[in-house]
C-alpha atoms as a PDB file:
ATOM      1  CA  MET A   1      23.288 -30.757  56.118  1.00  0.00           C
ATOM      2  CA  SER A   2      19.660 -29.137  56.527  1.00  0.00           C
ATOM      3  CA  ARG A   3      21.257 -25.916  55.129  1.00  0.00           C
ATOM      4  CA  LYS A   4      22.473 -27.394  52.316  1.00  0.00           C
ATOM      5  CA  LEU A   5      19.371 -29.528  51.099  1.00  0.00           C
ATOM      6  CA  PRO A   6      17.490 -26.233  50.172  1.00  0.00           C
ATOM      7  CA  ILE A   7      20.388 -24.932  48.098  1.00  0.00           C
ATOM      8  CA  LEU A   8      20.714 -28.275  46.615  1.00  0.00           C
ATOM      9  CA  LEU A   9      16.916 -28.415  45.834  1.00  0.00           C
ATOM     10  CA  PHE A  10      16.952 -24.743  44.582  1.00  0.00           C
ATOM     11  CA  THR A  11      19.979 -25.708  42.300  1.00  0.00           C
ATOM     12  CA  LEU A  12      18.198 -28.905  40.658  1.00  0.00           C
ATOM     13  CA  THR A  13      15.030 -26.969  40.206  1.00  0.00           C
ATOM     14  CA  MET A  14      16.803 -24.212  38.325  1.00  0.00           C
ATOM     15  CA  ILE A  15      18.569 -26.888  36.059  1.00  0.00           C
ATOM     16  CA  LEU A  16      15.398 -28.540  35.341  1.00  0.00           C
ATOM     17  CA  VAL A  17      13.679 -25.101  34.351  1.00  0.00           C
ATOM     18  CA  LEU A  18      16.699 -24.465  32.240  1.00  0.00           C
ATOM     19  CA  ALA A  19      16.792 -27.552  30.484  1.00  0.00           C
ATOM     20  CA  ALA A  20      12.944 -27.279  29.633  1.00  0.00           C
ATOM     21  CA  CYS A  21      13.537 -23.889  28.417  1.00  0.00           C
ATOM     22  CA  GLY A  22      16.376 -24.944  26.202  1.00  0.00           C
ATOM     23  CA  SER A  23      14.270 -27.813  24.949  1.00  0.00           C
ATOM     24  CA  ASN A  24      11.255 -25.378  24.435  1.00  0.00           C
ATOM     25  CA  THR A  25      13.716 -22.898  22.526  1.00  0.00           C
ATOM     26  CA  GLY A  26      14.767 -25.856  20.289  1.00  0.00           C
ATOM     27  CA  THR A  27      11.277 -26.831  19.394  1.00  0.00           C
ATOM     28  CA  THR A  28      10.288 -23.267  18.772  1.00  0.00           C
ATOM     29  CA  GLY A  29      13.299 -22.628  16.476  1.00  0.00           C
ATOM     30  CA  SER A  30      12.541 -25.971  14.703  1.00  0.00           C
ATOM     31  CA  GLY A  31       9.071 -24.922  14.206  1.00  0.00           C
ATOM     32  CA  SER A  32       9.905 -21.234  13.108  1.00  0.00           C
ATOM     33  CA  THR A  33      12.666 -22.739  10.524  1.00  0.00           C
ATOM     34  CA  THR A  34       9.808 -24.791   9.133  1.00  0.00           C
ATOM     35  CA  GLY A  35       7.452 -22.126   8.908  1.00  0.00           C
ATOM     36  CA  THR A  36      10.062 -19.788   7.387  1.00  0.00           C
ATOM     37  CA  THR A  37      10.871 -22.494   4.837  1.00  0.00           C
ATOM     38  CA  GLY A  38       7.293 -23.141   4.112  1.00  0.00           C
ATOM     39  CA  GLU A  39       6.852 -19.240   3.375  1.00  0.00           C
ATOM     40  CA  ALA A  40       9.724 -19.105   1.258  1.00  0.00           C
ATOM     41  CA  SER A  41       8.561 -21.931  -0.817  1.00  0.00           C
ATOM     42  CA  THR A  42       5.264 -20.428  -1.442  1.00  0.00           C
ATOM     43  CA  GLY A  43       6.044 -16.906  -1.535  1.00  0.00           C
ATOM     44  CA  THR A  44       9.433 -16.794  -3.391  1.00  0.00           C
ATOM     45  CA  GLU A  45       8.880 -15.742  -7.079  1.00  0.00           C
ATOM     46  CA  LEU A  46      10.227 -17.849  -9.852  1.00  0.00           C
ATOM     47  CA  SER A  47      13.771 -16.663 -10.963  1.00  0.00           C
ATOM     48  CA  GLY A  48      16.396 -17.969 -13.313  1.00  0.00           C
ATOM     49  CA  SER A  49      17.851 -17.500 -16.758  1.00  0.00           C
ATOM     50  CA  VAL A  50      16.739 -19.263 -19.947  1.00  0.00           C
ATOM     51  CA  LEU A  51      18.975 -19.242 -23.161  1.00  0.00           C
ATOM     52  CA  ALA A  52      16.981 -20.561 -26.400  1.00  0.00           C
ATOM     53  CA  VAL A  53      19.189 -20.755 -29.315  1.00  0.00           C
ATOM     54  CA  GLY A  54      18.656 -22.176 -33.123  1.00  0.00           C
ATOM     55  CA  SER A  55      16.142 -21.577 -35.795  1.00  0.00           C
ATOM     56  CA  THR A  56      15.891 -18.236 -37.091  1.00  0.00           C
ATOM     57  CA  ALA A  57      12.453 -19.296 -38.742  1.00  0.00           C
ATOM     58  CA  LEU A  58      11.012 -19.656 -35.198  1.00  0.00           C
ATOM     59  CA  GLN A  59      13.182 -16.905 -33.632  1.00  0.00           C
ATOM     60  CA  PRO A  60      10.281 -13.820 -34.237  1.00  0.00           C
ATOM     61  CA  LEU A  61       7.899 -15.891 -32.174  1.00  0.00           C
ATOM     62  CA  VAL A  62      10.275 -16.861 -29.444  1.00  0.00           C
ATOM     63  CA  ASP A  63      11.506 -13.216 -29.308  1.00  0.00           C
ATOM     64  CA  GLN A  64       8.121 -11.637 -28.868  1.00  0.00           C
ATOM     65  CA  VAL A  65       6.604 -14.111 -26.546  1.00  0.00           C
ATOM     66  CA  ALA A  66       9.735 -14.016 -24.582  1.00  0.00           C
ATOM     67  CA  GLN A  67       9.317 -10.209 -24.181  1.00  0.00           C
ATOM     68  CA  LYS A  68       5.704 -10.624 -22.965  1.00  0.00           C
ATOM     69  CA  PHE A  69       6.780 -13.358 -20.768  1.00  0.00           C
ATOM     70  CA  MET A  70       9.508 -11.240 -18.888  1.00  0.00           C
ATOM     71  CA  ALA A  71       6.994  -8.510 -18.326  1.00  0.00           C
ATOM     72  CA  ASP A  72       4.392 -10.556 -16.586  1.00  0.00           C
ATOM     73  CA  SER A  73       4.789  -9.969 -12.989  1.00  0.00           C
ATOM     74  CA  LYS A  74       4.921 -13.641 -12.105  1.00  0.00           C
ATOM     75  CA  TYR A  75       8.004 -14.068 -14.404  1.00  0.00           C
ATOM     76  CA  ALA A  76       9.709 -10.510 -13.558  1.00  0.00           C
ATOM     77  CA  ASN A  77      12.888 -12.358 -12.043  1.00  0.00           C
ATOM     78  CA  VAL A  78      13.308 -14.714 -15.060  1.00  0.00           C
ATOM     79  CA  SER A  79      15.738 -13.602 -17.880  1.00  0.00           C
ATOM     80  CA  VAL A  80      15.195 -15.087 -21.455  1.00  0.00           C
ATOM     81  CA  GLN A  81      17.827 -14.654 -24.324  1.00  0.00           C
ATOM     82  CA  VAL A  82      16.975 -15.625 -27.580  1.00  0.00           C
ATOM     83  CA  GLN A  83      19.609 -16.320 -30.493  1.00  0.00           C
ATOM     84  CA  GLY A  84      19.687 -17.575 -34.000  1.00  0.00           C
ATOM     85  CA  GLY A  85      22.153 -19.595 -35.681  1.00  0.00           C
ATOM     86  CA  GLY A  86      20.095 -22.090 -37.284  1.00  0.00           C
ATOM     87  CA  SER A  87      18.312 -25.478 -36.243  1.00  0.00           C
ATOM     88  CA  GLY A  88      21.705 -27.431 -36.229  1.00  0.00           C
ATOM     89  CA  THR A  89      23.237 -25.069 -33.949  1.00  0.00           C
ATOM     90  CA  GLY A  90      20.301 -24.894 -31.432  1.00  0.00           C
ATOM     91  CA  LEU A  91      20.161 -28.818 -31.404  1.00  0.00           C
ATOM     92  CA  THR A  92      23.988 -29.072 -30.830  1.00  0.00           C
ATOM     93  CA  GLN A  93      24.267 -26.446 -28.082  1.00  0.00           C
ATOM     94  CA  VAL A  94      21.188 -27.850 -26.181  1.00  0.00           C
ATOM     95  CA  SER A  95      22.507 -31.432 -26.597  1.00  0.00           C
ATOM     96  CA  GLU A  96      25.793 -30.300 -25.252  1.00  0.00           C
ATOM     97  CA  GLY A  97      24.309 -28.401 -22.410  1.00  0.00           C
ATOM     98  CA  GLN A  98      25.249 -24.999 -23.760  1.00  0.00           C
ATOM     99  CA  ALA A  99      21.692 -23.593 -24.091  1.00  0.00           C
ATOM    100  CA  ASN A 100      18.301 -24.675 -21.967  1.00  0.00           C
ATOM    101  CA  ILE A 101      16.386 -24.780 -25.461  1.00  0.00           C
ATOM    102  CA  GLY A 102      17.410 -25.806 -28.801  1.00  0.00           C
ATOM    103  CA  ASN A 103      14.936 -24.118 -31.407  1.00  0.00           C
ATOM    104  CA  SER A 104      14.441 -26.284 -34.428  1.00  0.00           C
ATOM    105  CA  ASP A 105      12.409 -26.528 -37.573  1.00  0.00           C
ATOM    106  CA  VAL A 106      13.180 -30.091 -37.849  1.00  0.00           C
ATOM    107  CA  PHE A 107      12.957 -33.330 -35.701  1.00  0.00           C
ATOM    108  CA  ALA A 108      16.102 -33.831 -33.757  1.00  0.00           C
ATOM    109  CA  GLU A 109      16.672 -37.175 -35.205  1.00  0.00           C
ATOM    110  CA  GLU A 110      17.170 -35.455 -38.565  1.00  0.00           C
ATOM    111  CA  LYS A 111      20.258 -33.574 -37.364  1.00  0.00           C
ATOM    112  CA  LEU A 112      21.676 -35.448 -34.268  1.00  0.00           C
ATOM    113  CA  ASP A 113      22.985 -39.048 -33.839  1.00  0.00           C
ATOM    114  CA  ALA A 114      20.265 -41.334 -32.538  1.00  0.00           C
ATOM    115  CA  ASP A 115      21.798 -41.560 -28.953  1.00  0.00           C
ATOM    116  CA  LYS A 116      22.081 -37.729 -28.579  1.00  0.00           C
ATOM    117  CA  ALA A 117      18.521 -37.372 -30.044  1.00  0.00           C
ATOM    118  CA  LYS A 118      17.140 -39.620 -27.568  1.00  0.00           C
ATOM    119  CA  GLU A 119      18.462 -37.338 -24.816  1.00  0.00           C
ATOM    120  CA  LEU A 120      16.214 -34.531 -25.902  1.00  0.00           C
ATOM    121  CA  VAL A 121      12.471 -33.578 -24.980  1.00  0.00           C
ATOM    122  CA  ASP A 122      10.481 -32.362 -27.740  1.00  0.00           C
ATOM    123  CA  HIS A 123       8.176 -29.564 -27.200  1.00  0.00           C
ATOM    124  CA  GLN A 124       6.078 -28.625 -30.172  1.00  0.00           C
ATOM    125  CA  VAL A 125       4.926 -25.010 -30.166  1.00  0.00           C
ATOM    126  CA  ALA A 126       3.676 -24.088 -33.564  1.00  0.00           C
ATOM    127  CA  VAL A 127       3.914 -25.040 -37.316  1.00  0.00           C
ATOM    128  CA  VAL A 128       5.892 -23.071 -39.861  1.00  0.00           C
ATOM    129  CA  ALA A 129       5.197 -23.000 -43.574  1.00  0.00           C
ATOM    130  CA  ILE A 130       8.039 -22.256 -45.943  1.00  0.00           C
ATOM    131  CA  ALA A 131       7.247 -20.257 -49.048  1.00  0.00           C
ATOM    132  CA  THR A 132       9.442 -19.695 -52.351  1.00  0.00           C
ATOM    133  CA  VAL A 133      10.254 -16.072 -52.640  1.00  0.00           C
ATOM    134  CA  ALA A 134      11.566 -14.137 -55.718  1.00  0.00           C
ATOM    135  CA  ASN A 135      12.674 -10.689 -56.414  1.00  0.00           C
ATOM    136  CA  GLU A 136      10.032  -8.818 -58.579  1.00  0.00           C
ATOM    137  CA  ALA A 137      12.431  -8.726 -61.534  1.00  0.00           C
ATOM    138  CA  ALA A 138      11.782 -12.482 -61.967  1.00  0.00           C
ATOM    139  CA  GLY A 139       8.411 -12.126 -63.094  1.00  0.00           C
ATOM    140  CA  VAL A 140       6.884 -15.245 -61.991  1.00  0.00           C
ATOM    141  CA  THR A 141       4.024 -15.949 -59.407  1.00  0.00           C
ATOM    142  CA  ASN A 142       3.921 -19.771 -59.577  1.00  0.00           C
ATOM    143  CA  LEU A 143       6.499 -22.478 -60.021  1.00  0.00           C
ATOM    144  CA  THR A 144       6.315 -26.328 -60.217  1.00  0.00           C
ATOM    145  CA  LYS A 145       8.270 -28.741 -58.006  1.00  0.00           C
ATOM    146  CA  GLN A 146      10.327 -29.581 -61.230  1.00  0.00           C
ATOM    147  CA  GLN A 147      11.049 -26.120 -62.101  1.00  0.00           C
ATOM    148  CA  LEU A 148      12.271 -25.371 -58.476  1.00  0.00           C
ATOM    149  CA  VAL A 149      14.536 -28.617 -58.774  1.00  0.00           C
ATOM    150  CA  ASP A 150      15.880 -27.329 -61.951  1.00  0.00           C
ATOM    151  CA  ILE A 151      16.725 -23.807 -60.798  1.00  0.00           C
ATOM    152  CA  PHE A 152      18.545 -25.113 -57.443  1.00  0.00           C
ATOM    153  CA  THR A 153      20.319 -27.540 -59.334  1.00  0.00           C
ATOM    154  CA  GLY A 154      21.411 -25.227 -61.774  1.00  0.00           C
ATOM    155  CA  LYS A 155      19.892 -26.596 -64.969  1.00  0.00           C
ATOM    156  CA  VAL A 156      17.736 -23.393 -65.300  1.00  0.00           C
ATOM    157  CA  LYS A 157      19.846 -20.177 -64.996  1.00  0.00           C
ATOM    158  CA  ASN A 158      17.311 -17.725 -66.630  1.00  0.00           C
ATOM    159  CA  TRP A 159      13.954 -16.776 -65.588  1.00  0.00           C
ATOM    160  CA  LYS A 160      12.757 -16.686 -69.130  1.00  0.00           C
ATOM    161  CA  ASP A 161      13.209 -20.384 -69.079  1.00  0.00           C
ATOM    162  CA  VAL A 162      10.475 -20.874 -66.383  1.00  0.00           C
ATOM    163  CA  GLY A 163       8.006 -18.230 -67.852  1.00  0.00           C
ATOM    164  CA  GLY A 164       9.282 -15.267 -66.362  1.00  0.00           C
ATOM    165  CA  LYS A 165      11.500 -12.361 -67.494  1.00  0.00           C
ATOM    166  CA  ASP A 166      15.004 -12.199 -69.382  1.00  0.00           C
ATOM    167  CA  GLN A 167      16.841 -12.083 -66.079  1.00  0.00           C
ATOM    168  CA  ALA A 168      19.636 -14.227 -64.741  1.00  0.00           C
ATOM    169  CA  ILE A 169      18.689 -16.480 -61.518  1.00  0.00           C
ATOM    170  CA  VAL A 170      20.638 -15.712 -58.425  1.00  0.00           C
ATOM    171  CA  ILE A 171      20.001 -18.171 -55.809  1.00  0.00           C
ATOM    172  CA  VAL A 172      19.927 -17.286 -52.009  1.00  0.00           C
ATOM    173  CA  ASN A 173      20.298 -20.496 -49.970  1.00  0.00           C
ATOM    174  CA  ARG A 174      20.536 -21.226 -46.243  1.00  0.00           C
ATOM    175  CA  PRO A 175      23.701 -23.239 -44.789  1.00  0.00           C
ATOM    176  CA  SER A 176      23.315 -27.020 -44.455  1.00  0.00           C
ATOM    177  CA  SER A 177      22.795 -26.556 -40.751  1.00  0.00           C
ATOM    178  CA  SER A 178      19.463 -24.749 -41.292  1.00  0.00           C
ATOM    179  CA  GLY A 179      16.363 -26.587 -40.493  1.00  0.00           C
ATOM    180  CA  THR A 180      14.576 -24.253 -42.979  1.00  0.00           C
ATOM    181  CA  ARG A 181      16.784 -25.617 -45.618  1.00  0.00           C
ATOM    182  CA  ALA A 182      16.007 -29.032 -44.569  1.00  0.00           C
ATOM    183  CA  THR A 183      12.373 -28.649 -44.739  1.00  0.00           C
ATOM    184  CA  TYR A 184      12.446 -26.875 -47.919  1.00  0.00           C
ATOM    185  CA  GLU A 185      14.729 -29.577 -49.450  1.00  0.00           C
ATOM    186  CA  LYS A 186      12.671 -32.382 -48.130  1.00  0.00           C
ATOM    187  CA  PHE A 187       9.151 -31.007 -49.051  1.00  0.00           C
ATOM    188  CA  ALA A 188       9.509 -28.680 -51.951  1.00  0.00           C
ATOM    189  CA  LEU A 189      12.328 -30.137 -53.870  1.00  0.00           C
ATOM    190  CA  GLY A 190      12.121 -33.833 -52.627  1.00  0.00           C
ATOM    191  CA  GLN A 191      15.862 -33.941 -52.553  1.00  0.00           C
ATOM    192  CA  LYS A 192      19.113 -32.391 -51.301  1.00  0.00           C
ATOM    193  CA  VAL A 193      20.849 -30.133 -53.333  1.00  0.00           C
ATOM    194  CA  GLU A 194      24.477 -28.927 -53.656  1.00  0.00           C
ATOM    195  CA  ASP A 195      25.566 -25.361 -53.188  1.00  0.00           C
ATOM    196  CA  LEU A 196      26.134 -23.916 -56.625  1.00  0.00           C
ATOM    197  CA  ALA A 197      28.922 -21.762 -57.634  1.00  0.00           C
ATOM    198  CA  GLY A 198      27.807 -18.073 -57.700  1.00  0.00           C
ATOM    199  CA  SER A 199      25.010 -18.844 -55.145  1.00  0.00           C
ATOM    200  CA  ILE A 200      24.749 -16.813 -52.009  1.00  0.00           C
ATOM    201  CA  GLN A 201      24.552 -18.445 -48.673  1.00  0.00           C
ATOM    202  CA  GLU A 202      23.242 -16.824 -45.791  1.00  0.00           C
ATOM    203  CA  ASP A 203      22.702 -18.198 -41.902  1.00  0.00           C
ATOM    204  CA  SER A 204      19.795 -15.693 -41.189  1.00  0.00           C
ATOM    205  CA  SER A 205      16.278 -15.492 -42.613  1.00  0.00           C
ATOM    206  CA  GLY A 206      16.256 -11.807 -42.064  1.00  0.00           C
ATOM    207  CA  THR A 207      19.176 -11.386 -44.388  1.00  0.00           C
ATOM    208  CA  VAL A 208      17.637 -13.986 -46.862  1.00  0.00           C
ATOM    209  CA  LYS A 209      14.602 -11.585 -46.977  1.00  0.00           C
ATOM    210  CA  LYS A 210      16.873  -8.645 -47.583  1.00  0.00           C
ATOM    211  CA  LEU A 211      18.927  -9.874 -50.280  1.00  0.00           C
ATOM    212  CA  VAL A 212      15.893 -11.338 -52.132  1.00  0.00           C
ATOM    213  CA  THR A 213      14.122  -7.973 -52.147  1.00  0.00           C
ATOM    214  CA  GLU A 214      17.095  -5.829 -53.331  1.00  0.00           C
ATOM    215  CA  THR A 215      18.818  -8.419 -55.637  1.00  0.00           C
ATOM    216  CA  PRO A 216      17.305  -8.562 -59.268  1.00  0.00           C
ATOM    217  CA  GLY A 217      16.555 -11.835 -60.278  1.00  0.00           C
ATOM    218  CA  ALA A 218      17.200 -13.437 -56.853  1.00  0.00           C
ATOM    219  CA  ILE A 219      15.098 -16.489 -55.279  1.00  0.00           C
ATOM    220  CA  GLY A 220      15.045 -17.957 -51.736  1.00  0.00           C
ATOM    221  CA  TYR A 221      12.656 -19.386 -49.365  1.00  0.00           C
ATOM    222  CA  LEU A 222      11.323 -17.944 -46.163  1.00  0.00           C
ATOM    223  CA  ALA A 223       8.878 -18.942 -43.310  1.00  0.00           C
ATOM    224  CA  LEU A 224       5.558 -17.137 -43.642  1.00  0.00           C
ATOM    225  CA  SER A 225       6.410 -14.985 -40.607  1.00  0.00           C
ATOM    226  CA  TYR A 226       8.956 -13.078 -42.665  1.00  0.00           C
ATOM    227  CA  LEU A 227       6.592 -12.076 -45.466  1.00  0.00           C
ATOM    228  CA  ASP A 228       4.990  -8.641 -45.883  1.00  0.00           C
ATOM    229  CA  ASP A 229       4.037  -6.320 -48.766  1.00  0.00           C
ATOM    230  CA  SER A 230       7.718  -5.936 -49.752  1.00  0.00           C
ATOM    231  CA  LEU A 231       8.141  -9.688 -50.543  1.00  0.00           C
ATOM    232  CA  LYS A 232       5.141 -12.033 -51.220  1.00  0.00           C
ATOM    233  CA  ALA A 233       5.244 -15.897 -51.554  1.00  0.00           C
ATOM    234  CA  ILE A 234       5.094 -17.626 -54.983  1.00  0.00           C
ATOM    235  CA  GLN A 235       2.720 -20.630 -55.594  1.00  0.00           C
ATOM    236  CA  TYR A 236       3.999 -24.103 -55.455  1.00  0.00           C
ATOM    237  CA  ASP A 237       2.332 -26.353 -58.102  1.00  0.00           C
ATOM    238  CA  GLY A 238      -0.556 -23.738 -58.115  1.00  0.00           C
ATOM    239  CA  VAL A 239      -1.316 -23.699 -54.563  1.00  0.00           C
ATOM    240  CA  ASP A 240      -0.975 -20.701 -52.331  1.00  0.00           C
ATOM    241  CA  ALA A 241       1.368 -20.864 -49.299  1.00  0.00           C
ATOM    242  CA  SER A 242      -1.610 -20.074 -46.942  1.00  0.00           C
ATOM    243  CA  VAL A 243      -2.480 -20.872 -43.444  1.00  0.00           C
ATOM    244  CA  GLU A 244      -5.622 -22.563 -44.596  1.00  0.00           C
ATOM    245  CA  ASN A 245      -3.857 -24.687 -47.196  1.00  0.00           C
ATOM    246  CA  VAL A 246      -1.229 -25.780 -44.775  1.00  0.00           C
ATOM    247  CA  GLU A 247      -3.941 -26.743 -42.089  1.00  0.00           C
ATOM    248  CA  SER A 248      -5.967 -28.603 -44.586  1.00  0.00           C
ATOM    249  CA  GLY A 249      -2.775 -30.562 -45.879  1.00  0.00           C
ATOM    250  CA  LYS A 250      -3.128 -28.786 -49.478  1.00  0.00           C
ATOM    251  CA  TYR A 251       0.320 -27.077 -49.161  1.00  0.00           C
ATOM    252  CA  PRO A 252       3.076 -29.407 -48.469  1.00  0.00           C
ATOM    253  CA  VAL A 253       6.208 -27.428 -47.330  1.00  0.00           C
ATOM    254  CA  TRP A 254       5.723 -26.872 -43.648  1.00  0.00           C
ATOM    255  CA  ALA A 255       7.357 -28.400 -40.449  1.00  0.00           C
ATOM    256  CA  TYR A 256       6.618 -28.149 -36.618  1.00  0.00           C
ATOM    257  CA  GLU A 257       8.347 -25.817 -34.775  1.00  0.00           C
ATOM    258  CA  HIS A 258      10.266 -27.639 -31.901  1.00  0.00           C
ATOM    259  CA  MET A 259      11.680 -26.084 -28.698  1.00  0.00           C
ATOM    260  CA  TYR A 260      13.851 -29.096 -27.582  1.00  0.00           C
ATOM    261  CA  THR A 261      15.254 -29.419 -23.965  1.00  0.00           C
ATOM    262  CA  LYS A 262      17.905 -31.876 -22.750  1.00  0.00           C
ATOM    263  CA  GLY A 263      15.722 -34.183 -20.436  1.00  0.00           C
ATOM    264  CA  GLU A 264      12.968 -32.651 -18.460  1.00  0.00           C
ATOM    265  CA  PRO A 265      13.169 -28.580 -18.264  1.00  0.00           C
ATOM    266  CA  ASP A 266      13.986 -26.736 -15.112  1.00  0.00           C
ATOM    267  CA  ALA A 267      11.401 -24.580 -13.656  1.00  0.00           C
ATOM    268  CA  ALA A 268      12.091 -21.361 -15.394  1.00  0.00           C
ATOM    269  CA  THR A 269      12.481 -23.043 -18.554  1.00  0.00           C
ATOM    270  CA  LYS A 270       9.384 -25.161 -18.194  1.00  0.00           C
ATOM    271  CA  ALA A 271       7.323 -22.000 -17.263  1.00  0.00           C
ATOM    272  CA  LEU A 272       8.416 -20.377 -20.530  1.00  0.00           C
ATOM    273  CA  LEU A 273       7.347 -23.555 -22.522  1.00  0.00           C
ATOM    274  CA  ASP A 274       4.006 -23.599 -20.853  1.00  0.00           C
ATOM    275  CA  TYR A 275       3.679 -20.165 -21.676  1.00  0.00           C
ATOM    276  CA  MET A 276       4.396 -20.871 -25.099  1.00  0.00           C
ATOM    277  CA  LEU A 277       1.170 -23.120 -25.436  1.00  0.00           C
ATOM    278  CA  THR A 278      -1.197 -20.692 -23.565  1.00  0.00           C
ATOM    279  CA  ASP A 279      -4.189 -19.796 -25.566  1.00  0.00           C
ATOM    280  CA  GLU A 280      -3.248 -16.069 -25.350  1.00  0.00           C
ATOM    281  CA  VAL A 281      -0.027 -17.103 -27.458  1.00  0.00           C
ATOM    282  CA  GLN A 282      -1.369 -19.781 -29.682  1.00  0.00           C
ATOM    283  CA  ASN A 283      -4.485 -17.749 -30.802  1.00  0.00           C
ATOM    284  CA  GLY A 284      -2.634 -14.323 -30.593  1.00  0.00           C
ATOM    285  CA  ASP A 285       1.187 -14.073 -31.171  1.00  0.00           C
ATOM    286  CA  VAL A 286       1.461 -17.249 -33.225  1.00  0.00           C
ATOM    287  CA  LYS A 287      -1.355 -16.378 -35.770  1.00  0.00           C
ATOM    288  CA  ASP A 288      -0.273 -12.587 -35.670  1.00  0.00           C
ATOM    289  CA  LEU A 289       3.259 -13.470 -36.763  1.00  0.00           C
ATOM    290  CA  GLY A 290       2.470 -15.854 -39.652  1.00  0.00           C
ATOM    291  CA  TYR A 291       2.793 -19.113 -37.700  1.00  0.00           C
ATOM    292  CA  ILE A 292       0.076 -21.641 -37.460  1.00  0.00           C
ATOM    293  CA  SER A 293      -1.349 -22.961 -34.139  1.00  0.00           C
ATOM    294  CA  ILE A 294      -0.697 -26.669 -33.188  1.00  0.00           C
ATOM    295  CA  SER A 295      -4.555 -26.872 -32.514  1.00  0.00           C
ATOM    296  CA  GLY A 296      -5.456 -25.628 -35.946  1.00  0.00           C
ATOM    297  CA  MET A 297      -3.885 -28.378 -37.849  1.00  0.00           C
ATOM    298  CA  GLN A 298      -6.144 -31.036 -39.422  1.00  0.00           C
ATOM    299  CA  VAL A 299      -3.177 -33.126 -40.674  1.00  0.00           C
ATOM    300  CA  LYS A 300      -0.021 -34.604 -38.677  1.00  0.00           C
ATOM    301  CA  ARG A 301       3.356 -35.214 -39.864  1.00  0.00           C
ATOM    302  CA  ASP A 302       5.863 -37.770 -38.448  1.00  0.00           C
ATOM    303  CA  VAL A 303       9.732 -37.769 -38.503  1.00  0.00           C
ATOM    304  CA  GLU A 304       9.672 -39.568 -41.740  1.00  0.00           C
ATOM    305  CA  GLY A 305       7.396 -36.961 -43.375  1.00  0.00           C
ATOM    306  CA  LYS A 306       4.346 -39.227 -43.528  1.00  0.00           C
ATOM    307  CA  ILE A 307       1.018 -37.076 -43.429  1.00  0.00           C
ATOM    308  CA  THR A 308      -1.872 -38.620 -41.611  1.00  0.00           C
ATOM    309  CA  LYS A 309      -5.192 -37.118 -40.697  1.00  0.00           C
END
């Protein structure tokens, strides 16, 4: 009995030691795991992919900013793809979960059913002005609202009837899904117009620019971001389509540029949207590409088109 007691005590001691070590190891492991998680949450770089689809009027800005965004070391693991297709397409795709962002020249309520529009979150990133453009063979520098209505409804078919040259008018229009078209019809024409026989319909602002530039007598409309020395804006009721006139409310054919998300955006998408509103982008890329910074506007416009100071 006396021999067995030391052995029993030794055995019990070892069991207690091992139990303590096991408990200690568990605590350390738990602490180590927590530490690793903390390091991962604070040290892991943002990653993910963002698909932005829609307005071709907004596309040049989103394209350029996306490239700068991805070149920034903080967002090196975020991939951004930008596609056109028109505002209606962008709103539909973001509503159906096919895109992270729906780029649009119009409010979602103007294109989607009320229930679907309510699901989207509006991120206004700039203002776009839409200008009337015509081929140089037209021979005009100014058109009134009524003259534009007469042209786009087919009442006037020759430029000589609105003070231009003896040249047939060729209308280059955007499809009904286009936010640029919706903005132009609402604020330049004051009405929707039917597509006329013989008119050309193009889904891309870049193609509209090419066709108007190359087609004698052609007329269309483009965001200021697409204009350069090869194609200049025509005055609207004697008012230049300029940044200053848009900001002050003198030139009426403009709209907000929206980047809609379905609900609140994920981390990568939010980072891009926040980047769009930085001073660097708003005072640099926005202005350089012919858009107007949100902060520069002296007037506001609601979904009904009403202007307020």
